[in-house]
């Protein structure tokens, strides 16, 4: 059948049929053949040593329709498709190479899976399990490890999360940004957020961010810089966060502004402002 198809298609286009064309009609004896309506060679499927083997022609215009028409149906009939439950953490201050081994070890004990997506300055960590109950337990275990780095669990970046939070706040918050040097203010503004100098003692609710390196003066991108956030209510420091990030290049100012949005949001939420 496969050989007759080869001959018919070649003759249709006035191509001389030779013995060399016979290899396009070869398949394992026990294989199920997949007709090729877009090309010459048939595809096939067989089970060998409890493994499913699919052989498809190479050209995309031939193999893709065959995959959709035959392979997917076979995989579905054999029970290969299971809808997984998934959960995502968007994090700051983590490097995949450092955190992935730890997360993978946790995931392994829950028979789940983890994947990682780096989008500077964020690292997205996606957890998956076949069972919802298993995923819930996995999320709790991973959340404990990531607690100081979680920006959101709904895909929102730091600025998007801050927008939602600050809209609900009825208080005026004074922010002293001595780290991004205006980059944060360019990216974000709100009626109840005032940019001020570093004078926390004259404001009821005050938030400051400082950097160990002045990004305006330092053009030698190397090492790391330390960012320190502090939140004050009635002149009392109620919130502190410190992070060290690589001073990798001009894009570090984007990291700093996202960090400010992230920690300002945490301060507002934790203090119930």
Protein backbone atom coordinates (compact mmCIF):
# COMPACT_ATOMS: atom_id res chain seq x y z
CA UNK A 1 0.00 0.00 0.00
CA UNK A 2 2.75 2.44 0.92
CA UNK A 3 4.69 1.58 -2.27
CA UNK A 4 1.65 2.04 -4.47
CA UNK A 5 1.19 5.50 -2.92
CA UNK A 6 4.82 6.40 -3.69
CA UNK A 7 4.51 5.28 -7.30
CA UNK A 8 1.20 7.05 -7.83
CA UNK A 9 2.45 10.35 -6.37
CA UNK A 10 5.72 10.35 -8.33
CA UNK A 11 3.96 9.51 -11.60
CA UNK A 12 1.46 12.29 -10.88
CA UNK A 13 4.31 14.79 -11.04
CA UNK A 14 6.02 13.06 -13.98
CA UNK A 15 8.92 11.86 -11.83
CA UNK A 16 10.69 8.67 -12.92
CA UNK A 17 10.20 5.90 -10.33
CA UNK A 18 13.34 3.98 -9.41
CA UNK A 19 14.31 1.26 -6.93
CA UNK A 20 15.84 3.98 -4.73
CA UNK A 21 12.35 5.27 -4.04
CA UNK A 22 11.41 2.01 -2.34
CA UNK A 23 13.05 3.09 0.91
CA UNK A 24 10.21 5.61 1.27
CA UNK A 25 7.79 2.69 1.54
CA UNK A 26 9.67 0.70 4.18
CA UNK A 27 8.35 0.27 7.71
CA UNK A 28 8.58 -2.32 10.52
CA UNK A 29 6.41 -5.35 9.81
CA UNK A 30 4.08 -4.86 12.80
CA UNK A 31 3.64 -1.10 12.32
CA UNK A 32 0.35 0.70 11.80
CA UNK A 33 0.67 2.86 8.68
CA UNK A 34 -0.24 6.55 8.57
CA UNK A 35 -1.29 7.75 5.07
CA UNK A 36 0.47 10.88 3.81
CA UNK A 37 -1.93 13.13 1.92
CA UNK A 38 0.69 15.87 1.59
CA UNK A 39 3.75 13.95 0.45
CA UNK A 40 5.29 10.67 -0.62
CA UNK A 41 6.41 8.65 2.41
CA UNK A 42 3.88 7.12 4.81
CA UNK A 43 4.27 7.49 8.56
CA UNK A 44 3.83 4.67 11.02
CA UNK A 45 3.38 3.69 14.65
CA UNK A 46 4.40 0.59 16.57
CA UNK A 47 4.79 -0.56 20.15
CA UNK A 48 8.17 -2.08 20.99
CA UNK A 49 9.28 -3.14 24.46
CA UNK A 50 6.29 -1.28 25.97
CA UNK A 51 7.31 1.95 24.22
CA UNK A 52 5.35 3.77 21.53
CA UNK A 53 7.43 4.66 18.48
CA UNK A 54 6.18 7.10 15.86
CA UNK A 55 7.94 7.55 12.51
CA UNK A 56 6.92 10.60 10.48
CA UNK A 57 8.19 12.18 7.26
CA UNK A 58 10.55 15.11 7.77
CA UNK A 59 9.02 18.08 5.90
CA UNK A 60 6.86 20.16 8.27
CA UNK A 61 3.97 20.38 5.79
CA UNK A 62 3.82 16.57 5.90
CA UNK A 63 4.70 15.64 9.48
CA UNK A 64 2.63 18.31 11.26
CA UNK A 65 -0.74 17.30 9.73
CA UNK A 66 0.14 13.64 10.33
CA UNK A 67 1.01 14.41 13.95
CA UNK A 68 -2.30 16.20 14.47
CA UNK A 69 -4.41 13.60 12.64
CA UNK A 70 -2.85 10.41 13.97
CA UNK A 71 -0.22 10.79 16.72
CA UNK A 72 -2.31 12.97 19.03
CA UNK A 73 -5.30 10.65 18.72
CA UNK A 74 -3.14 7.62 19.52
CA UNK A 75 -1.54 9.30 22.54
CA UNK A 76 -4.94 10.33 23.83
CA UNK A 77 -6.40 6.85 23.32
CA UNK A 78 -3.44 5.32 25.18
CA UNK A 79 -3.96 7.62 28.19
CA UNK A 80 -0.88 9.79 27.82
CA UNK A 81 -2.72 13.06 28.33
CA UNK A 82 -3.44 14.14 31.88
CA UNK A 83 -4.50 17.62 32.85
CA UNK A 84 -2.01 18.88 35.41
CA UNK A 85 -2.68 21.39 38.14
CA UNK A 86 -0.17 24.22 38.04
CA UNK A 87 0.91 27.11 40.27
CA UNK A 88 3.32 29.97 39.53
CA UNK A 89 5.54 32.07 41.75
CA UNK A 90 7.05 35.30 40.42
CA UNK A 91 10.20 36.01 42.42
CA UNK A 92 12.93 38.61 42.80
CA UNK A 93 16.45 38.16 44.13
CA UNK A 94 16.92 34.58 42.96
CA UNK A 95 19.17 32.96 40.36
CA UNK A 96 17.92 29.81 38.67
CA UNK A 97 21.25 28.02 38.96
CA UNK A 98 21.26 28.51 42.73
CA UNK A 99 17.63 27.88 43.66
CA UNK A 100 16.63 25.20 41.10
CA UNK A 101 18.47 22.29 42.82
CA UNK A 102 16.68 23.07 46.10
CA UNK A 103 13.26 23.40 44.49
CA UNK A 104 13.79 20.28 42.37
CA UNK A 105 14.61 18.29 45.52
CA UNK A 106 11.36 19.45 47.17
CA UNK A 107 9.34 18.77 44.02
CA UNK A 108 10.74 15.25 43.70
CA UNK A 109 9.29 14.24 47.08
CA UNK A 110 5.82 15.27 45.85
CA UNK A 111 6.06 13.49 42.48
CA UNK A 112 5.60 16.84 40.79
CA UNK A 113 7.60 18.90 38.32
CA UNK A 114 9.11 22.39 38.23
CA UNK A 115 10.06 24.69 35.39
CA UNK A 116 11.85 28.03 35.42
CA UNK A 117 11.57 31.16 33.26
CA UNK A 118 14.05 34.01 33.58
CA UNK A 119 12.76 37.46 32.59
CA UNK A 120 15.08 40.07 34.11
CA UNK A 121 14.84 40.89 36.93
CA UNK A 122 12.28 38.17 37.67
CA UNK A 123 12.51 34.41 37.95
CA UNK A 124 9.19 32.64 37.44
CA UNK A 125 8.90 29.21 39.06
CA UNK A 126 6.08 26.98 37.83
CA UNK A 127 5.02 23.94 39.85
CA UNK A 128 2.87 21.12 38.42
CA UNK A 129 1.22 18.00 39.80
CA UNK A 130 -1.37 15.58 38.48
CA UNK A 131 -3.46 15.87 41.65
CA UNK A 132 -4.72 19.17 43.07
CA UNK A 133 -4.21 18.01 46.66
CA UNK A 134 -0.60 17.11 45.87
CA UNK A 135 -0.02 20.52 44.30
CA UNK A 136 -1.45 22.32 47.34
CA UNK A 137 1.02 20.53 49.61
CA UNK A 138 3.88 21.20 47.20
CA UNK A 139 3.04 24.91 47.01
CA UNK A 140 3.11 25.20 50.81
CA UNK A 141 6.53 23.53 50.97
CA UNK A 142 8.02 25.67 48.20
CA UNK A 143 6.41 28.87 49.51
CA UNK A 144 8.22 28.41 52.80
CA UNK A 145 11.56 28.31 50.95
CA UNK A 146 10.72 31.27 48.69
CA UNK A 147 8.90 33.43 51.24
CA UNK A 148 11.42 36.30 51.19
CA UNK A 149 11.47 36.43 47.40
CA UNK A 150 7.84 36.07 46.28
CA UNK A 151 6.46 39.04 44.33
CA UNK A 152 3.17 37.44 43.31
CA UNK A 153 1.44 34.16 42.60
CA UNK A 154 -0.88 35.50 39.89
CA UNK A 155 1.70 36.62 37.33
CA UNK A 156 1.63 40.32 38.27
CA UNK A 157 4.97 42.07 38.40
CA UNK A 158 5.91 44.36 41.28
CA UNK A 159 4.46 47.51 39.73
CA UNK A 160 1.17 45.82 38.81
CA UNK A 161 0.81 44.41 42.32
CA UNK A 162 1.61 47.81 43.87
CA UNK A 163 -1.06 49.52 41.75
CA UNK A 164 -3.75 47.24 43.18
CA UNK A 165 -2.53 47.65 46.75
CA UNK A 166 -1.99 51.38 46.84
CA UNK A 167 -5.41 52.09 45.33
CA UNK A 168 -6.95 50.50 48.42
CA UNK A 169 -4.84 52.53 50.85
CA UNK A 170 -6.42 55.63 52.35
CA UNK A 171 -3.15 56.90 53.86
CA UNK A 172 -0.53 59.18 52.34
CA UNK A 173 2.84 57.47 52.08
CA UNK A 174 6.10 59.38 51.77
CA UNK A 175 8.85 57.66 49.79
CA UNK A 176 12.53 58.58 49.81
CA UNK A 177 14.26 56.89 46.88
CA UNK A 178 18.02 57.11 47.23
CA UNK A 179 18.61 54.02 45.10
CA UNK A 180 17.02 54.30 41.64
CA UNK A 181 17.64 58.08 41.36
CA UNK A 182 14.32 58.87 39.74
CA UNK A 183 13.79 55.69 37.72
CA UNK A 184 11.06 54.46 40.08
CA UNK A 185 9.24 57.81 39.93
CA UNK A 186 9.33 57.66 36.13
CA UNK A 187 7.65 54.26 36.21
CA UNK A 188 5.10 54.79 38.94
CA UNK A 189 2.95 57.51 40.45
CA UNK A 190 -0.15 57.55 42.67
CA UNK A 191 -2.15 60.32 44.38
CA UNK A 192 -1.36 58.99 47.84
CA UNK A 193 2.37 58.46 47.22
CA UNK A 194 4.65 61.47 47.69
CA UNK A 195 8.33 61.47 46.73
CA UNK A 196 10.39 63.26 49.39
CA UNK A 197 13.91 63.71 50.65
CA UNK A 198 15.42 61.42 53.29
CA UNK A 199 13.57 62.91 56.30
CA UNK A 200 11.49 60.18 57.88
CA UNK A 201 11.00 61.92 61.20
CA UNK A 202 8.53 64.48 59.85
CA UNK A 203 6.11 62.02 58.23
CA UNK A 204 3.61 59.62 59.81
CA UNK A 205 4.17 56.92 57.20
CA UNK A 206 7.60 56.91 55.60
CA UNK A 207 9.42 54.43 53.36
CA UNK A 208 13.05 54.69 52.29
CA UNK A 209 15.32 52.72 49.98
CA UNK A 210 19.09 53.12 49.88
CA UNK A 211 21.82 51.53 47.76
CA UNK A 212 25.44 50.77 48.60
CA UNK A 213 26.45 52.07 45.15
CA UNK A 214 25.51 55.36 43.51
CA UNK A 215 24.45 54.18 40.05
CA UNK A 216 24.82 57.69 38.62
CA UNK A 217 28.54 57.81 39.39
CA UNK A 218 29.61 54.16 39.10
CA UNK A 219 30.22 53.04 35.52
CA UNK A 220 32.33 50.06 36.54
CA UNK A 221 29.70 47.33 36.43
CA UNK A 222 31.07 44.56 38.62
CA UNK A 223 30.49 42.98 42.00
CA UNK A 224 27.16 43.56 43.69
CA UNK A 225 25.15 46.29 45.35
CA UNK A 226 23.13 46.09 48.53
CA UNK A 227 19.63 47.54 48.69
CA UNK A 228 18.04 48.36 52.05
CA UNK A 229 14.35 49.17 52.54
CA UNK A 230 12.93 50.59 55.75
CA UNK A 231 9.36 51.47 56.66
CA UNK A 232 8.43 53.85 59.45
CA UNK A 233 5.12 54.51 61.17
CA UNK A 234 5.04 57.43 63.63
CA UNK A 235 8.84 57.60 63.57
CA UNK A 236 9.16 53.94 64.56
CA UNK A 237 10.87 51.52 62.17
CA UNK A 238 8.36 48.72 61.57
CA UNK A 239 9.76 47.13 58.42
CA UNK A 240 13.23 46.25 57.12
CA UNK A 241 14.41 44.32 54.09
CA UNK A 242 17.89 43.87 52.62
CA UNK A 243 18.95 42.29 49.37
CA UNK A 244 22.22 41.95 47.46
CA UNK A 245 22.04 41.91 43.65
CA UNK A 246 24.67 41.61 40.88
CA UNK A 247 25.81 44.97 39.51
CA UNK A 248 25.71 43.56 36.00
CA UNK A 249 25.15 46.65 33.85
CA UNK A 250 22.91 49.66 33.12
CA UNK A 251 19.84 47.42 33.40
CA UNK A 252 20.43 47.17 37.15
CA UNK A 253 18.41 50.40 37.51
CA UNK A 254 15.37 48.44 36.27
CA UNK A 255 16.05 45.86 38.97
CA UNK A 256 16.25 48.59 41.62
CA UNK A 257 12.96 50.25 40.58
CA UNK A 258 11.14 46.90 40.56
CA UNK A 259 12.65 46.14 43.97
CA UNK A 260 11.29 49.41 45.37
CA UNK A 261 7.80 48.65 44.04
CA UNK A 262 7.97 45.13 45.48
CA UNK A 263 9.07 46.15 48.98
CA UNK A 264 6.80 49.19 49.19
CA UNK A 265 3.91 46.86 48.40
CA UNK A 266 5.07 44.44 51.11
CA UNK A 267 5.30 47.26 53.65
CA UNK A 268 1.76 48.47 52.91
CA UNK A 269 0.29 44.96 53.06
CA UNK A 270 2.13 43.85 56.21
CA UNK A 271 1.31 47.02 58.15
CA UNK A 272 -2.30 47.16 56.93
CA UNK A 273 -1.90 50.77 55.90
